Amino acid sequence: MNTSTKMKTTSQPIYESLRQAIMSGEIAAGAPLRQDEIAQQHGVSKIPVREALLKLEADGFVLFRKNRGAIVRELSAAELLHMMDIRVALECKALELAIPNLIQSDFDAAREVLDHYNDIDGVEHSSAMNRRFHHILYEPCANPQLMAMITDLQQRIGPYLRLLVTDTSGSNRPAIEHRAILDACEAADVPRAVDLLRRHIETSKKETAARLRRQQEG
């Protein structure tokens, strides 16, 4: 194994660990990423840590500041709203492709998620149930590349939306919209289901934009 390959092998677990911590919100936007501390945590030198941080920078998760080290990159308001536009396109396409392949067990699983949506109070639970519901409906699209893009996008914007949208919209509005989307899917009404999903995501975007404006004004 040459030096370059060995370095990538050593840095990959560090990359994955930091990426997951950033996407889950465990490491907050703007937080410093100190190479010596990370190296100590993983029992390695700073060289593979820097390799991991450079890869995270290339993927848009980390920002290097001159003479000040690396920090978790924070999405701007414009970037977040643009990503939600992309979410509309990707998820609507996935649902369009998935509906002809949905079977009764998919509908039953989706309804079970909705029935247990409010079993536990808290943003983390409702966010997890929301992701599970949408995944059940999209997964039969049989397009793993599309699903990977959706998952990556959801993970990138998830920490922001958990803070911005869930507190604003509560659970009643999304629950009503989810059931309407599911009913349309079960009726195999592709145009209606896709239109309902589009409006569902666009409403979340409007709520996000409004919350961001209030934060900026405050």
Protein backbone atom coordinates (compact mmCIF):
# COMPACT_ATOMS: atom_id res chain seq x y z
CA MET A 1 0.00 0.00 0.00
CA ASN A 2 1.54 3.31 -1.05
CA THR A 3 1.66 6.36 1.20
CA SER A 4 -1.23 8.14 -0.54
CA THR A 5 -3.54 5.13 -0.29
CA LYS A 6 -2.60 4.53 3.33
CA MET A 7 -3.32 8.18 4.17
CA LYS A 8 -6.79 7.99 2.58
CA THR A 9 -7.52 4.77 4.48
CA THR A 10 -6.50 6.40 7.76
CA SER A 11 -8.39 9.65 7.14
CA GLN A 12 -11.66 8.09 5.92
CA PRO A 13 -13.00 7.04 9.36
CA ILE A 14 -12.18 10.54 10.66
CA TYR A 15 -13.97 12.07 7.68
CA GLU A 16 -17.05 9.89 8.23
CA SER A 17 -17.15 10.60 11.97
CA LEU A 18 -16.90 14.36 11.54
CA ARG A 19 -19.35 14.41 8.64
CA GLN A 20 -21.95 12.53 10.67
CA ALA A 21 -21.45 14.78 13.70
CA ILE A 22 -21.88 17.87 11.53
CA MET A 23 -24.99 16.58 9.75
CA SER A 24 -26.64 15.48 13.00
CA GLY A 25 -26.01 18.87 14.56
CA GLU A 26 -23.75 17.37 17.24
CA ILE A 27 -21.08 19.78 16.01
CA ALA A 28 -22.83 23.08 15.40
CA ALA A 29 -22.34 25.43 12.48
CA GLY A 30 -19.48 27.82 13.18
CA ALA A 31 -17.83 25.51 15.71
CA PRO A 32 -14.02 25.26 15.51
CA LEU A 33 -12.47 21.97 14.41
CA ARG A 34 -9.13 21.77 16.21
CA GLN A 35 -6.79 19.33 14.53
CA ASP A 36 -4.83 18.43 17.67
CA GLU A 37 -8.00 17.57 19.60
CA ILE A 38 -9.42 15.49 16.75
CA ALA A 39 -6.10 13.68 16.32
CA GLN A 40 -6.04 12.84 20.02
CA GLN A 41 -9.62 11.56 19.95
CA HIS A 42 -8.83 9.22 17.04
CA GLY A 43 -5.35 8.25 18.19
CA VAL A 44 -3.62 9.48 15.02
CA SER A 45 -1.27 12.23 13.93
CA LYS A 46 -2.60 15.53 12.59
CA ILE A 47 -1.79 14.55 9.00
CA PRO A 48 -4.85 12.27 8.40
CA VAL A 49 -6.99 14.76 10.31
CA ARG A 50 -6.02 17.52 7.92
CA GLU A 51 -6.69 15.16 5.00
CA ALA A 52 -10.19 14.54 6.38
CA LEU A 53 -10.82 18.25 6.92
CA LEU A 54 -9.71 19.09 3.38
CA LYS A 55 -12.16 16.52 2.02
CA LEU A 56 -14.91 17.98 4.20
CA GLU A 57 -14.02 21.41 2.83
CA ALA A 58 -14.30 20.10 -0.74
CA ASP A 59 -17.72 18.63 0.11
CA GLY A 60 -18.94 21.95 1.53
CA PHE A 61 -19.02 21.04 5.24
CA VAL A 62 -15.92 22.87 6.48
CA LEU A 63 -14.39 26.30 5.96
CA PHE A 64 -10.69 27.07 6.45
CA ARG A 65 -10.00 30.59 7.74
CA LYS A 66 -6.60 32.14 7.15
CA ASN A 67 -4.39 31.72 10.24
CA ARG A 68 -7.40 30.60 12.30
CA GLY A 69 -7.95 26.96 11.36
CA ALA A 70 -11.10 25.11 10.30
CA ILE A 71 -14.71 25.66 11.36
CA VAL A 72 -17.99 23.98 10.47
CA ARG A 73 -19.36 25.84 7.49
CA GLU A 74 -22.70 27.54 8.07
CA LEU A 75 -25.23 27.63 5.25
CA SER A 76 -26.36 31.10 4.31
CA ALA A 77 -30.08 31.84 4.15
CA ALA A 78 -29.90 31.93 0.34
CA GLU A 79 -28.09 28.56 0.19
CA LEU A 80 -30.65 26.93 2.47
CA LEU A 81 -33.58 28.17 0.40
CA HIS A 82 -31.88 27.14 -2.84
CA MET A 83 -31.37 23.65 -1.43
CA MET A 84 -35.07 23.48 -0.62
CA ASP A 85 -35.81 24.29 -4.28
CA ILE A 86 -33.60 21.36 -5.24
CA ARG A 87 -35.43 19.22 -2.70
CA VAL A 88 -38.73 19.95 -4.47
CA ALA A 89 -37.35 18.77 -7.80
CA LEU A 90 -35.67 15.62 -6.47
CA GLU A 91 -38.42 14.43 -4.16
CA CYS A 92 -41.26 15.10 -6.58
CA LYS A 93 -39.42 13.08 -9.22
CA ALA A 94 -38.82 10.25 -6.78
CA LEU A 95 -42.50 10.14 -5.82
CA GLU A 96 -43.59 10.23 -9.47
CA LEU A 97 -41.37 7.22 -10.21
CA ALA A 98 -42.31 5.39 -7.02
CA ILE A 99 -46.13 5.50 -7.10
CA PRO A 100 -46.56 2.80 -9.78
CA ASN A 101 -44.36 0.51 -7.68
CA LEU A 102 -45.99 1.09 -4.29
CA ILE A 103 -47.70 -1.95 -2.75
CA GLN A 104 -50.03 -2.43 0.20
CA SER A 105 -47.20 -3.05 2.66
CA ASP A 106 -45.76 0.37 1.75
CA PHE A 107 -49.08 2.07 2.43
CA ASP A 108 -49.45 0.18 5.73
CA ALA A 109 -45.93 1.16 6.81
CA ALA A 110 -46.51 4.82 5.92
CA ARG A 111 -49.82 4.92 7.83
CA GLU A 112 -48.18 3.33 10.85
CA VAL A 113 -45.58 6.11 10.85
CA LEU A 114 -48.32 8.74 10.73
CA ASP A 115 -50.25 7.00 13.52
CA HIS A 116 -47.18 7.20 15.78
CA TYR A 117 -45.99 10.63 14.64
CA ASN A 118 -46.84 12.32 17.93
CA ASP A 119 -46.14 9.46 20.34
CA ILE A 120 -43.11 11.31 21.69
CA ASP A 121 -42.84 15.06 22.10
CA GLY A 122 -39.80 16.74 20.64
CA VAL A 123 -38.23 17.95 17.44
CA GLU A 124 -35.88 14.96 17.07
CA HIS A 125 -38.73 12.44 17.11
CA SER A 126 -40.97 14.34 14.71
CA SER A 127 -38.05 14.95 12.34
CA ALA A 128 -37.15 11.25 12.36
CA MET A 129 -40.74 10.23 11.69
CA ASN A 130 -40.99 12.78 8.88
CA ARG A 131 -37.88 11.38 7.20
CA ARG A 132 -39.17 7.82 7.63
CA PHE A 133 -42.55 8.65 6.08
CA HIS A 134 -41.05 10.27 3.01
CA HIS A 135 -38.45 7.53 2.59
CA ILE A 136 -41.16 4.84 2.55
CA LEU A 137 -42.92 6.60 -0.31
CA TYR A 138 -39.76 7.39 -2.32
CA GLU A 139 -37.75 4.18 -1.94
CA PRO A 140 -39.78 2.17 -4.50
CA CYS A 141 -38.66 4.63 -7.20
CA ALA A 142 -35.92 2.03 -7.79
CA ASN A 143 -33.34 4.73 -8.48
CA PRO A 144 -30.55 4.43 -5.89
CA GLN A 145 -28.66 7.43 -7.26
CA LEU A 146 -31.71 9.65 -6.87
CA MET A 147 -32.32 8.32 -3.35
CA ALA A 148 -28.69 8.99 -2.42
CA MET A 149 -29.01 12.59 -3.61
CA ILE A 150 -32.20 13.07 -1.60
CA THR A 151 -30.64 11.57 1.52
CA ASP A 152 -27.53 13.73 1.23
CA LEU A 153 -29.60 16.87 0.78
CA GLN A 154 -31.87 16.02 3.71
CA GLN A 155 -28.85 15.45 5.92
CA ARG A 156 -27.27 18.74 4.92
CA ILE A 157 -30.31 20.88 5.63
CA GLY A 158 -31.79 18.75 8.42
CA PRO A 159 -30.14 20.52 11.38
CA TYR A 160 -31.31 23.89 10.06
CA LEU A 161 -34.88 22.78 9.37
CA ARG A 162 -35.21 21.14 12.78
CA LEU A 163 -34.53 24.53 14.31
CA LEU A 164 -36.39 26.71 11.85
CA VAL A 165 -39.43 24.82 10.58
CA THR A 166 -40.61 22.41 13.23
CA ASP A 167 -40.99 25.07 15.91
CA THR A 168 -42.89 27.26 13.47
CA SER A 169 -45.28 24.81 11.82
CA GLY A 170 -45.88 22.44 14.73
CA SER A 171 -47.19 19.00 13.83
CA ASN A 172 -50.84 19.58 12.79
CA ARG A 173 -50.23 21.07 9.36
CA PRO A 174 -47.61 18.52 8.26
CA ALA A 175 -49.76 15.64 9.56
CA ILE A 176 -52.77 16.74 7.50
CA GLU A 177 -50.62 17.19 4.40
CA HIS A 178 -48.89 13.83 4.87
CA ARG A 179 -52.22 11.99 5.00
CA ALA A 180 -53.45 13.77 1.88
CA ILE A 181 -50.26 12.81 0.02
CA LEU A 182 -50.59 9.21 1.15
CA ASP A 183 -54.26 9.06 0.12
CA ALA A 184 -53.33 10.29 -3.36
CA CYS A 185 -50.54 7.72 -3.60
CA GLU A 186 -52.87 4.92 -2.56
CA ALA A 187 -55.35 6.06 -5.22
CA ALA A 188 -52.48 5.94 -7.75
CA ASP A 189 -53.23 9.58 -8.62
CA VAL A 190 -49.72 10.59 -9.62
CA PRO A 191 -50.42 14.22 -10.65
CA ARG A 192 -52.32 14.96 -7.43
CA ALA A 193 -49.77 13.24 -5.18
CA VAL A 194 -46.86 15.07 -6.79
CA ASP A 195 -48.71 18.40 -6.62
CA LEU A 196 -49.51 17.88 -2.93
CA LEU A 197 -45.90 17.00 -2.19
CA ARG A 198 -44.66 20.05 -4.07
CA ARG A 199 -46.97 22.33 -2.09
CA HIS A 200 -45.99 20.55 1.15
CA ILE A 201 -42.28 21.25 0.63
CA GLU A 202 -42.86 24.76 -0.70
CA THR A 203 -44.87 25.61 2.42
CA SER A 204 -41.94 24.49 4.54
CA LYS A 205 -39.70 26.70 2.42
CA LYS A 206 -41.97 29.72 2.96
CA GLU A 207 -41.98 29.08 6.71
CA THR A 208 -38.21 28.79 6.68
CA ALA A 209 -37.84 32.05 4.73
CA ALA A 210 -40.18 33.85 7.14
CA ARG A 211 -38.30 32.56 10.18
CA LEU A 212 -34.97 33.60 8.68
CA ARG A 213 -36.29 37.11 8.00
CA ARG A 214 -37.48 37.42 11.61
CA GLN A 215 -34.07 36.32 12.85
CA GLN A 216 -32.32 38.87 10.66
CA GLU A 217 -34.68 41.66 11.77
CA GLY A 218 -34.28 40.67 15.40
